Amino acid sequence: MMTTRVPASGDDAFDGGAPAPGARARAIVGPLCWLAIIGCTVAVAMLGASLFAVGLGRALNATDDIGEQVSIFWGLVAVAVVLAVTAIAAGIGRRWAAFVVALLLEAVTGLLAWGLYRAVVAMIPPAAREWVTTLPVAGVSV
């Protein structure tokens, strides 16, 4: 009795050498994900160096510049968004190494952003953080 093997999807031995479905898209997604991860790694390193410079300035009794820290914060948020999109693309493209690396780098970026956010909020005096319950009307002195 002869036994035949059922061909798997994308098995070159049975489908005439045609590539598996989605193989071309995965071949494009992989390098793009790694390119985004490398770019984000460089951006996080540069933002980390800026954050180190702010901390060094604070250690040398320089005045704190909230505007500089806020720009670093938004840079970290932008990198986290790019890494989230990269992780989603890597997951859909089944590039598991890129997926894991993107998620790990995103966690580091998120922790840096959260710490910077808490540091900036701590620098703002409590009186400036109070919510205004009533807004003044034009022409009325308060």
Foldseek 3Di string as FASTA:
>chain_A
DDDDDDDDAQDCVPPVNDGGPCPVVLVVLVVVLVVLLVVLVVLVVVLVVLVVVQVVCVVVVHDHDLVSLVVSLVSLVVSLVSLVVSLVSCVVSVVVVSNVSSVVSSVVSVVVSVVSVVVSVVPDDPVVVDDDPDDDDPPDDD
